[in-house]
Amino acid sequence: MQDDKSVKSEMIRCGKRTYFFDVKVASNNDRYLKITETRLMEENEPRKRSTVMIFPEDIGRFNSVLSQVSKLLTQEGK
């Protein structure tokens, strides 16, 4: 099985967690966003991995809700 083609990749390290943002092209030439979180559970244990995929028809709503909740998380004293 061949992996989907990667168009753009970004990585963010946050302590024991690492986030990967990959724009990929599927076999039908549709693009999608794949967000993967890996985290270190215990020393000498394998990392735990979680993935979510966002498709073009959903990215607007995803972005809107993410923006709203991001504002709530970054408001000081509220």
PDB file of N, CA and C in Angstrom:
ATOM      1  N   MET A   1       0.844  -1.183   0.000  1.00  0.00           N
ATOM      2  CA  MET A   1       0.000   0.000   0.000  1.00  0.00           C
ATOM      3  C   MET A   1       0.886   1.242   0.000  1.00  0.00           C
ATOM      4  N   GLN A   2       0.623   2.160  -0.894  1.00  0.00           N
ATOM      5  CA  GLN A   2       1.433   3.363  -1.019  1.00  0.00           C
ATOM      6  C   GLN A   2       0.848   4.474  -0.158  1.00  0.00           C
ATOM      7  N   ASP A   3       1.717   5.220   0.550  1.00  0.00           N
ATOM      8  CA  ASP A   3       1.264   6.352   1.354  1.00  0.00           C
ATOM      9  C   ASP A   3       0.800   7.473   0.441  1.00  0.00           C
ATOM     10  N   ASP A   4      -0.137   8.286   0.959  1.00  0.00           N
ATOM     11  CA  ASP A   4      -0.561   9.453   0.211  1.00  0.00           C
ATOM     12  C   ASP A   4       0.600  10.435   0.118  1.00  0.00           C
ATOM     13  N   LYS A   5       0.608  11.198  -0.950  1.00  0.00           N
ATOM     14  CA  LYS A   5       1.688  12.149  -1.209  1.00  0.00           C
ATOM     15  C   LYS A   5       1.574  13.352  -0.273  1.00  0.00           C
ATOM     16  N   SER A   6       2.690  13.721   0.335  1.00  0.00           N
ATOM     17  CA  SER A   6       2.730  14.868   1.234  1.00  0.00           C
ATOM     18  C   SER A   6       3.027  16.136   0.440  1.00  0.00           C
ATOM     19  N   VAL A   7       2.218  17.172   0.669  1.00  0.00           N
ATOM     20  CA  VAL A   7       2.384  18.455  -0.006  1.00  0.00           C
ATOM     21  C   VAL A   7       3.145  19.425   0.893  1.00  0.00           C
ATOM     22  N   LYS A   8       2.791  19.439   2.174  1.00  0.00           N
ATOM     23  CA  LYS A   8       3.402  20.364   3.134  1.00  0.00           C
ATOM     24  C   LYS A   8       3.336  19.719   4.507  1.00  0.00           C
ATOM     25  N   SER A   9       4.395  19.852   5.294  1.00  0.00           N
ATOM     26  CA  SER A   9       4.438  19.302   6.645  1.00  0.00           C
ATOM     27  C   SER A   9       5.019  20.330   7.602  1.00  0.00           C
ATOM     28  N   GLU A  10       4.427  20.427   8.770  1.00  0.00           N
ATOM     29  CA  GLU A  10       4.925  21.282   9.850  1.00  0.00           C
ATOM     30  C   GLU A  10       4.892  20.468  11.134  1.00  0.00           C
ATOM     31  N   MET A  11       5.809  20.767  12.048  1.00  0.00           N
ATOM     32  CA  MET A  11       5.892  20.048  13.308  1.00  0.00           C
ATOM     33  C   MET A  11       6.033  21.049  14.445  1.00  0.00           C
ATOM     34  N   ILE A  12       5.352  20.749  15.573  1.00  0.00           N
ATOM     35  CA  ILE A  12       5.452  21.583  16.773  1.00  0.00           C
ATOM     36  C   ILE A  12       5.776  20.657  17.939  1.00  0.00           C
ATOM     37  N   ARG A  13       6.827  20.971  18.691  1.00  0.00           N
ATOM     38  CA  ARG A  13       7.173  20.211  19.898  1.00  0.00           C
ATOM     39  C   ARG A  13       6.689  20.987  21.109  1.00  0.00           C
ATOM     40  N   CYS A  14       5.964  20.310  21.980  1.00  0.00           N
ATOM     41  CA  CYS A  14       5.400  20.921  23.190  1.00  0.00           C
ATOM     42  C   CYS A  14       5.637  19.988  24.363  1.00  0.00           C
ATOM     43  N   GLY A  15       6.812  20.046  24.955  1.00  0.00           N
ATOM     44  CA  GLY A  15       7.126  19.164  26.073  1.00  0.00           C
ATOM     45  C   GLY A  15       7.152  17.708  25.628  1.00  0.00           C
ATOM     46  N   LYS A  16       6.314  16.885  26.257  1.00  0.00           N
ATOM     47  CA  LYS A  16       6.263  15.464  25.925  1.00  0.00           C
ATOM     48  C   LYS A  16       5.392  15.169  24.706  1.00  0.00           C
ATOM     49  N   ARG A  17       4.792  16.205  24.145  1.00  0.00           N
ATOM     50  CA  ARG A  17       3.910  16.034  22.988  1.00  0.00           C
ATOM     51  C   ARG A  17       4.550  16.646  21.743  1.00  0.00           C
ATOM     52  N   THR A  18       4.298  16.017  20.620  1.00  0.00           N
ATOM     53  CA  THR A  18       4.714  16.549  19.325  1.00  0.00           C
ATOM     54  C   THR A  18       3.511  16.499  18.402  1.00  0.00           C
ATOM     55  N   TYR A  19       3.278  17.590  17.678  1.00  0.00           N
ATOM     56  CA  TYR A  19       2.154  17.680  16.748  1.00  0.00           C
ATOM     57  C   TYR A  19       2.697  17.799  15.330  1.00  0.00           C
ATOM     58  N   PHE A  20       2.101  17.046  14.423  1.00  0.00           N
ATOM     59  CA  PHE A  20       2.454  17.089  13.010  1.00  0.00           C
ATOM     60  C   PHE A  20       1.228  17.536  12.225  1.00  0.00           C
ATOM     61  N   PHE A  21       1.411  18.508  11.351  1.00  0.00           N
ATOM     62  CA  PHE A  21       0.359  18.995  10.470  1.00  0.00           C
ATOM     63  C   PHE A  21       0.807  18.693   9.047  1.00  0.00           C
ATOM     64  N   ASP A  22       0.128  17.778   8.396  1.00  0.00           N
ATOM     65  CA  ASP A  22       0.519  17.339   7.054  1.00  0.00           C
ATOM     66  C   ASP A  22      -0.624  17.546   6.073  1.00  0.00           C
ATOM     67  N   VAL A  23      -0.372  18.310   5.016  1.00  0.00           N
ATOM     68  CA  VAL A  23      -1.326  18.393   3.908  1.00  0.00           C
ATOM     69  C   VAL A  23      -0.923  17.304   2.937  1.00  0.00           C
ATOM     70  N   LYS A  24      -1.876  16.440   2.630  1.00  0.00           N
ATOM     71  CA  LYS A  24      -1.591  15.284   1.785  1.00  0.00           C
ATOM     72  C   LYS A  24      -2.533  15.252   0.591  1.00  0.00           C
ATOM     73  N   VAL A  25      -2.142  14.487  -0.428  1.00  0.00           N
ATOM     74  CA  VAL A  25      -2.976  14.268  -1.601  1.00  0.00           C
ATOM     75  C   VAL A  25      -3.311  12.784  -1.643  1.00  0.00           C
ATOM     76  N   ALA A  26      -4.602  12.484  -1.630  1.00  0.00           N
ATOM     77  CA  ALA A  26      -5.064  11.098  -1.657  1.00  0.00           C
ATOM     78  C   ALA A  26      -4.943  10.535  -3.076  1.00  0.00           C
ATOM     79  N   SER A  27      -5.169   9.249  -3.197  1.00  0.00           N
ATOM     80  CA  SER A  27      -5.055   8.583  -4.502  1.00  0.00           C
ATOM     81  C   SER A  27      -6.045   9.131  -5.531  1.00  0.00           C
ATOM     82  N   ASN A  28      -7.151   9.765  -5.064  1.00  0.00           N
ATOM     83  CA  ASN A  28      -8.119  10.365  -5.994  1.00  0.00           C
ATOM     84  C   ASN A  28      -7.820  11.839  -6.264  1.00  0.00           C
ATOM     85  N   ASN A  29      -6.610  12.302  -5.863  1.00  0.00           N
ATOM     86  CA  ASN A  29      -6.111  13.673  -6.043  1.00  0.00           C
ATOM     87  C   ASN A  29      -6.780  14.715  -5.150  1.00  0.00           C
ATOM     88  N   ASP A  30      -7.581  14.307  -4.173  1.00  0.00           N
ATOM     89  CA  ASP A  30      -8.151  15.246  -3.210  1.00  0.00           C
ATOM     90  C   ASP A  30      -7.127  15.522  -2.115  1.00  0.00           C
ATOM     91  N   ARG A  31      -7.044  16.773  -1.691  1.00  0.00           N
ATOM     92  CA  ARG A  31      -6.150  17.141  -0.592  1.00  0.00           C
ATOM     93  C   ARG A  31      -6.908  17.056   0.732  1.00  0.00           C
ATOM     94  N   TYR A  32      -6.158  16.817   1.801  1.00  0.00           N
ATOM     95  CA  TYR A  32      -6.735  16.804   3.140  1.00  0.00           C
ATOM     96  C   TYR A  32      -5.651  17.133   4.147  1.00  0.00           C
ATOM     97  N   LEU A  33      -6.069  17.533   5.346  1.00  0.00           N
ATOM     98  CA  LEU A  33      -5.148  17.845   6.428  1.00  0.00           C
ATOM     99  C   LEU A  33      -5.146  16.685   7.407  1.00  0.00           C
ATOM    100  N   LYS A  34      -3.963  16.192   7.732  1.00  0.00           N
ATOM    101  CA  LYS A  34      -3.797  15.121   8.711  1.00  0.00           C
ATOM    102  C   LYS A  34      -3.039  15.706   9.900  1.00  0.00           C
ATOM    103  N   ILE A  35      -3.685  15.703  11.081  1.00  0.00           N
ATOM    104  CA  ILE A  35      -3.061  16.206  12.296  1.00  0.00           C
ATOM    105  C   ILE A  35      -2.762  15.000  13.180  1.00  0.00           C
ATOM    106  N   THR A  36      -1.497  14.849  13.543  1.00  0.00           N
ATOM    107  CA  THR A  36      -1.075  13.714  14.369  1.00  0.00           C
ATOM    108  C   THR A  36      -0.414  14.238  15.629  1.00  0.00           C
ATOM    109  N   GLU A  37      -0.824  13.686  16.763  1.00  0.00           N
ATOM    110  CA  GLU A  37      -0.197  13.993  18.044  1.00  0.00           C
ATOM    111  C   GLU A  37       0.514  12.733  18.513  1.00  0.00           C
ATOM    112  N   THR A  38       1.774  12.864  18.890  1.00  0.00           N
ATOM    113  CA  THR A  38       2.471  11.758  19.546  1.00  0.00           C
ATOM    114  C   THR A  38       2.870  12.245  20.928  1.00  0.00           C
ATOM    115  N   ARG A  39       2.811  11.344  21.896  1.00  0.00           N
ATOM    116  CA  ARG A  39       3.186  11.740  23.252  1.00  0.00           C
ATOM    117  C   ARG A  39       3.902  10.609  23.963  1.00  0.00           C
ATOM    118  N   LEU A  40       4.851  11.014  24.765  1.00  0.00           N
ATOM    119  CA  LEU A  40       5.637  10.078  25.559  1.00  0.00           C
ATOM    120  C   LEU A  40       4.824   9.733  26.795  1.00  0.00           C
ATOM    121  N   MET A  41       4.540   8.444  26.973  1.00  0.00           N
ATOM    122  CA  MET A  41       3.741   7.999  28.111  1.00  0.00           C
ATOM    123  C   MET A  41       4.633   7.762  29.331  1.00  0.00           C
ATOM    124  N   GLU A  42       5.557   6.849  29.224  1.00  0.00           N
ATOM    125  CA  GLU A  42       6.485   6.494  30.298  1.00  0.00           C
ATOM    126  C   GLU A  42       7.862   6.303  29.676  1.00  0.00           C
ATOM    127  N   GLU A  43       8.887   6.453  30.471  1.00  0.00           N
ATOM    128  CA  GLU A  43      10.242   6.196  29.981  1.00  0.00           C
ATOM    129  C   GLU A  43      10.326   4.768  29.453  1.00  0.00           C
ATOM    130  N   ASN A  44      11.045   4.580  28.365  1.00  0.00           N
ATOM    131  CA  ASN A  44      11.260   3.268  27.737  1.00  0.00           C
ATOM    132  C   ASN A  44       9.982   2.627  27.208  1.00  0.00           C
ATOM    133  N   GLU A  45       8.934   3.398  27.035  1.00  0.00           N
ATOM    134  CA  GLU A  45       7.680   2.913  26.441  1.00  0.00           C
ATOM    135  C   GLU A  45       7.523   3.571  25.075  1.00  0.00           C
ATOM    136  N   PRO A  46       6.819   2.911  24.161  1.00  0.00           N
ATOM    137  CA  PRO A  46       6.587   3.549  22.854  1.00  0.00           C
ATOM    138  C   PRO A  46       5.668   4.760  22.997  1.00  0.00           C
ATOM    139  N   ARG A  47       5.837   5.679  22.081  1.00  0.00           N
ATOM    140  CA  ARG A  47       4.984   6.869  22.086  1.00  0.00           C
ATOM    141  C   ARG A  47       3.558   6.489  21.690  1.00  0.00           C
ATOM    142  N   LYS A  48       2.589   7.171  22.256  1.00  0.00           N
ATOM    143  CA  LYS A  48       1.185   6.990  21.877  1.00  0.00           C
ATOM    144  C   LYS A  48       0.883   7.966  20.746  1.00  0.00           C
ATOM    145  N   ARG A  49       0.134   7.508  19.760  1.00  0.00           N
ATOM    146  CA  ARG A  49      -0.153   8.326  18.583  1.00  0.00           C
ATOM    147  C   ARG A  49      -1.661   8.433  18.369  1.00  0.00           C
ATOM    148  N   SER A  50      -2.118   9.656  18.087  1.00  0.00           N
ATOM    149  CA  SER A  50      -3.520   9.914  17.745  1.00  0.00           C
ATOM    150  C   SER A  50      -3.539  10.760  16.475  1.00  0.00           C
ATOM    151  N   THR A  51      -4.496  10.465  15.607  1.00  0.00           N
ATOM    152  CA  THR A  51      -4.566  11.175  14.321  1.00  0.00           C
ATOM    153  C   THR A  51      -6.006  11.579  14.016  1.00  0.00           C
ATOM    154  N   VAL A  52      -6.146  12.751  13.429  1.00  0.00           N
ATOM    155  CA  VAL A  52      -7.436  13.213  12.916  1.00  0.00           C
ATOM    156  C   VAL A  52      -7.197  13.751  11.509  1.00  0.00           C
ATOM    157  N   MET A  53      -8.162  13.521  10.625  1.00  0.00           N
ATOM    158  CA  MET A  53      -8.054  14.029   9.255  1.00  0.00           C
ATOM    159  C   MET A  53      -9.189  15.018   9.009  1.00  0.00           C
ATOM    160  N   ILE A  54      -8.846  16.153   8.403  1.00  0.00           N
ATOM    161  CA  ILE A  54      -9.813  17.199   8.082  1.00  0.00           C
ATOM    162  C   ILE A  54      -9.857  17.328   6.565  1.00  0.00           C
ATOM    163  N   PHE A  55     -11.053  17.223   6.009  1.00  0.00           N
ATOM    164  CA  PHE A  55     -11.222  17.267   4.561  1.00  0.00           C
ATOM    165  C   PHE A  55     -11.624  18.666   4.112  1.00  0.00           C
ATOM    166  N   PRO A  56     -11.366  19.016   2.853  1.00  0.00           N
ATOM    167  CA  PRO A  56     -11.586  20.383   2.372  1.00  0.00           C
ATOM    168  C   PRO A  56     -12.982  20.932   2.668  1.00  0.00           C
ATOM    169  N   GLU A  57     -14.003  20.107   2.554  1.00  0.00           N
ATOM    170  CA  GLU A  57     -15.371  20.588   2.778  1.00  0.00           C
ATOM    171  C   GLU A  57     -15.633  20.931   4.250  1.00  0.00           C
ATOM    172  N   ASP A  58     -14.762  20.506   5.155  1.00  0.00           N
ATOM    173  CA  ASP A  58     -14.939  20.749   6.585  1.00  0.00           C
ATOM    174  C   ASP A  58     -13.966  21.773   7.154  1.00  0.00           C
ATOM    175  N   ILE A  59     -12.973  22.186   6.402  1.00  0.00           N
ATOM    176  CA  ILE A  59     -11.895  23.014   6.956  1.00  0.00           C
ATOM    177  C   ILE A  59     -12.392  24.383   7.418  1.00  0.00           C
ATOM    178  N   GLY A  60     -13.352  24.963   6.729  1.00  0.00           N
ATOM    179  CA  GLY A  60     -13.883  26.276   7.132  1.00  0.00           C
ATOM    180  C   GLY A  60     -14.530  26.220   8.499  1.00  0.00           C
ATOM    181  N   ARG A  61     -15.399  25.248   8.715  1.00  0.00           N
ATOM    182  CA  ARG A  61     -16.063  25.094  10.014  1.00  0.00           C
ATOM    183  C   ARG A  61     -15.048  24.729  11.100  1.00  0.00           C
ATOM    184  N   PHE A  62     -14.102  23.852  10.763  1.00  0.00           N
ATOM    185  CA  PHE A  62     -13.060  23.449  11.711  1.00  0.00           C
ATOM    186  C   PHE A  62     -12.258  24.670  12.151  1.00  0.00           C
ATOM    187  N   ASN A  63     -11.854  25.480  11.194  1.00  0.00           N
ATOM    188  CA  ASN A  63     -11.066  26.683  11.465  1.00  0.00           C
ATOM    189  C   ASN A  63     -11.848  27.678  12.324  1.00  0.00           C
ATOM    190  N   SER A  64     -13.127  27.838  12.030  1.00  0.00           N
ATOM    191  CA  SER A  64     -13.974  28.771  12.777  1.00  0.00           C
ATOM    192  C   SER A  64     -14.101  28.356  14.239  1.00  0.00           C
ATOM    193  N   VAL A  65     -14.387  27.091  14.474  1.00  0.00           N
ATOM    194  CA  VAL A  65     -14.534  26.608  15.847  1.00  0.00           C
ATOM    195  C   VAL A  65     -13.194  26.636  16.576  1.00  0.00           C
ATOM    196  N   LEU A  66     -12.125  26.268  15.900  1.00  0.00           N
ATOM    197  CA  LEU A  66     -10.797  26.305  16.515  1.00  0.00           C
ATOM    198  C   LEU A  66     -10.444  27.735  16.930  1.00  0.00           C
ATOM    199  N   SER A  67     -10.769  28.697  16.095  1.00  0.00           N
ATOM    200  CA  SER A  67     -10.509  30.099  16.413  1.00  0.00           C
ATOM    201  C   SER A  67     -11.301  30.532  17.649  1.00  0.00           C
ATOM    202  N   GLN A  68     -12.572  30.138  17.725  1.00  0.00           N
ATOM    203  CA  GLN A  68     -13.415  30.495  18.868  1.00  0.00           C
ATOM    204  C   GLN A  68     -12.878  29.911  20.167  1.00  0.00           C
ATOM    205  N   VAL A  69     -12.554  28.644  20.163  1.00  0.00           N
ATOM    206  CA  VAL A  69     -12.079  28.023  21.406  1.00  0.00           C
ATOM    207  C   VAL A  69     -10.670  28.498  21.754  1.00  0.00           C
ATOM    208  N   SER A  70      -9.866  28.835  20.761  1.00  0.00           N
ATOM    209  CA  SER A  70      -8.529  29.370  21.026  1.00  0.00           C
ATOM    210  C   SER A  70      -8.620  30.690  21.778  1.00  0.00           C
ATOM    211  N   LYS A  71      -9.584  31.535  21.406  1.00  0.00           N
ATOM    212  CA  LYS A  71      -9.775  32.805  22.107  1.00  0.00           C
ATOM    213  C   LYS A  71     -10.138  32.574  23.568  1.00  0.00           C
ATOM    214  N   LEU A  72     -10.985  31.578  23.825  1.00  0.00           N
ATOM    215  CA  LEU A  72     -11.361  31.274  25.210  1.00  0.00           C
ATOM    216  C   LEU A  72     -10.165  30.792  26.017  1.00  0.00           C
ATOM    217  N   LEU A  73      -9.306  30.004  25.396  1.00  0.00           N
ATOM    218  CA  LEU A  73      -8.147  29.476  26.106  1.00  0.00           C
ATOM    219  C   LEU A  73      -7.091  30.536  26.392  1.00  0.00           C
ATOM    220  N   THR A  74      -7.017  31.559  25.563  1.00  0.00           N
ATOM    221  CA  THR A  74      -5.960  32.555  25.719  1.00  0.00           C
ATOM    222  C   THR A  74      -6.413  33.810  26.462  1.00  0.00           C
ATOM    223  N   GLN A  75      -7.702  33.901  26.818  1.00  0.00           N
ATOM    224  CA  GLN A  75      -8.175  35.039  27.591  1.00  0.00           C
ATOM    225  C   GLN A  75      -7.652  34.943  29.016  1.00  0.00           C
ATOM    226  N   GLU A  76      -7.033  36.000  29.480  1.00  0.00           N
ATOM    227  CA  GLU A  76      -6.478  35.997  30.835  1.00  0.00           C
ATOM    228  C   GLU A  76      -7.537  36.387  31.848  1.00  0.00           C
ATOM    229  N   GLY A  77      -7.568  35.672  32.970  1.00  0.00           N
ATOM    230  CA  GLY A  77      -8.464  36.006  34.071  1.00  0.00           C
ATOM    231  C   GLY A  77      -9.922  35.759  33.815  1.00  0.00           C
ATOM    232  N   LYS A  78     -10.266  34.951  32.849  1.00  0.00           N
ATOM    233  CA  LYS A  78     -11.691  34.703  32.549  1.00  0.00           C
ATOM    234  C   LYS A  78     -12.020  33.251  32.712  1.00  0.00           C
TER     235      LYS A  78
END
